[in-house]
Amino acid sequence: SKGEGHPIKVGTPIGRRRGRVIRILDKEVVVREYRKDFRGREIVRDIAMRLPSID
């Protein structure tokens, strides 16, 4: 993380593995990533990224 802020919305591309924002909550953003395993099958993974708290 470079400490930069970027505006996002559902559907925003993010990450290196064709990730897209699928949900935005108060304390986290959920990103769905798509990648292929060694046999070429697509694997879908949802990743919750915690947002820093604003004090």
C-alpha atoms as a PDB file:
ATOM      1  CA  SER A   1       0.000   0.000   0.000  1.00  0.00           C
ATOM      2  CA  LYS A   2       1.272   3.417  -0.907  1.00  0.00           C
ATOM      3  CA  GLY A   3      -1.102   5.197   1.464  1.00  0.00           C
ATOM      4  CA  GLU A   4      -3.000   6.828  -1.393  1.00  0.00           C
ATOM      5  CA  GLY A   5      -6.777   7.114  -1.486  1.00  0.00           C
ATOM      6  CA  HIS A   6      -8.777   6.220  -4.580  1.00  0.00           C
ATOM      7  CA  PRO A   7     -12.529   6.540  -5.137  1.00  0.00           C
ATOM      8  CA  ILE A   8     -14.187   3.182  -5.818  1.00  0.00           C
ATOM      9  CA  LYS A   9     -17.666   1.807  -6.427  1.00  0.00           C
ATOM     10  CA  VAL A  10     -19.114  -1.648  -7.007  1.00  0.00           C
ATOM     11  CA  GLY A  11     -17.621  -2.941 -10.251  1.00  0.00           C
ATOM     12  CA  THR A  12     -14.348  -0.994  -9.993  1.00  0.00           C
ATOM     13  CA  PRO A  13     -11.409  -3.108 -11.230  1.00  0.00           C
ATOM     14  CA  ILE A  14      -8.799  -3.593  -8.518  1.00  0.00           C
ATOM     15  CA  GLY A  15      -5.719  -5.752  -7.983  1.00  0.00           C
ATOM     16  CA  ARG A  16      -3.549  -7.871 -10.250  1.00  0.00           C
ATOM     17  CA  ARG A  17      -5.821 -10.885 -10.689  1.00  0.00           C
ATOM     18  CA  ARG A  18      -8.724  -9.334 -12.589  1.00  0.00           C
ATOM     19  CA  GLY A  19     -10.354  -8.344  -9.292  1.00  0.00           C
ATOM     20  CA  ARG A  20     -13.550  -6.317  -9.104  1.00  0.00           C
ATOM     21  CA  VAL A  21     -15.207  -4.642  -6.125  1.00  0.00           C
ATOM     22  CA  ILE A  22     -18.389  -6.589  -5.336  1.00  0.00           C
ATOM     23  CA  ARG A  23     -19.398  -5.041  -1.986  1.00  0.00           C
ATOM     24  CA  ILE A  24     -18.571  -1.930   0.020  1.00  0.00           C
ATOM     25  CA  LEU A  25     -19.298  -1.958   3.748  1.00  0.00           C
ATOM     26  CA  ASP A  26     -18.517   0.494   6.552  1.00  0.00           C
ATOM     27  CA  LYS A  27     -15.334  -1.292   7.624  1.00  0.00           C
ATOM     28  CA  GLU A  28     -14.309  -3.338   4.581  1.00  0.00           C
ATOM     29  CA  VAL A  29     -14.380  -3.690   0.821  1.00  0.00           C
ATOM     30  CA  VAL A  30     -14.951  -7.122  -0.724  1.00  0.00           C
ATOM     31  CA  VAL A  31     -13.065  -7.873  -3.942  1.00  0.00           C
ATOM     32  CA  ARG A  32     -13.714 -10.897  -6.169  1.00  0.00           C
ATOM     33  CA  GLU A  33     -10.606 -12.206  -7.944  1.00  0.00           C
ATOM     34  CA  TYR A  34     -10.463 -14.616 -10.852  1.00  0.00           C
ATOM     35  CA  ARG A  35      -7.412 -16.740 -11.609  1.00  0.00           C
ATOM     36  CA  LYS A  36      -6.572 -20.055 -13.234  1.00  0.00           C
ATOM     37  CA  ASP A  37      -5.101 -23.098 -11.523  1.00  0.00           C
ATOM     38  CA  PHE A  38      -2.352 -25.259 -13.024  1.00  0.00           C
ATOM     39  CA  ARG A  39      -4.951 -27.176 -15.069  1.00  0.00           C
ATOM     40  CA  GLY A  40      -6.427 -24.011 -16.536  1.00  0.00           C
ATOM     41  CA  ARG A  41      -9.603 -24.100 -14.453  1.00  0.00           C
ATOM     42  CA  GLU A  42     -10.851 -20.737 -13.270  1.00  0.00           C
ATOM     43  CA  ILE A  43     -10.814 -20.179  -9.513  1.00  0.00           C
ATOM     44  CA  VAL A  44     -12.940 -17.440  -7.966  1.00  0.00           C
ATOM     45  CA  ARG A  45     -11.915 -15.997  -4.612  1.00  0.00           C
ATOM     46  CA  ASP A  46     -13.557 -13.262  -2.522  1.00  0.00           C
ATOM     47  CA  ILE A  47     -11.188 -11.169  -0.430  1.00  0.00           C
ATOM     48  CA  ALA A  48     -12.282  -8.811   2.362  1.00  0.00           C
ATOM     49  CA  MET A  49     -10.000  -5.792   2.619  1.00  0.00           C
ATOM     50  CA  ARG A  50     -10.328  -3.916   5.907  1.00  0.00           C
ATOM     51  CA  LEU A  51     -10.582  -0.153   5.726  1.00  0.00           C
ATOM     52  CA  PRO A  52      -8.588   2.001   8.132  1.00  0.00           C
ATOM     53  CA  SER A  53     -10.657   3.546  10.904  1.00  0.00           C
ATOM     54  CA  ILE A  54     -11.111   7.298  10.862  1.00  0.00           C
ATOM     55  CA  ASP A  55     -10.622   8.719  14.339  1.00  0.00           C
END
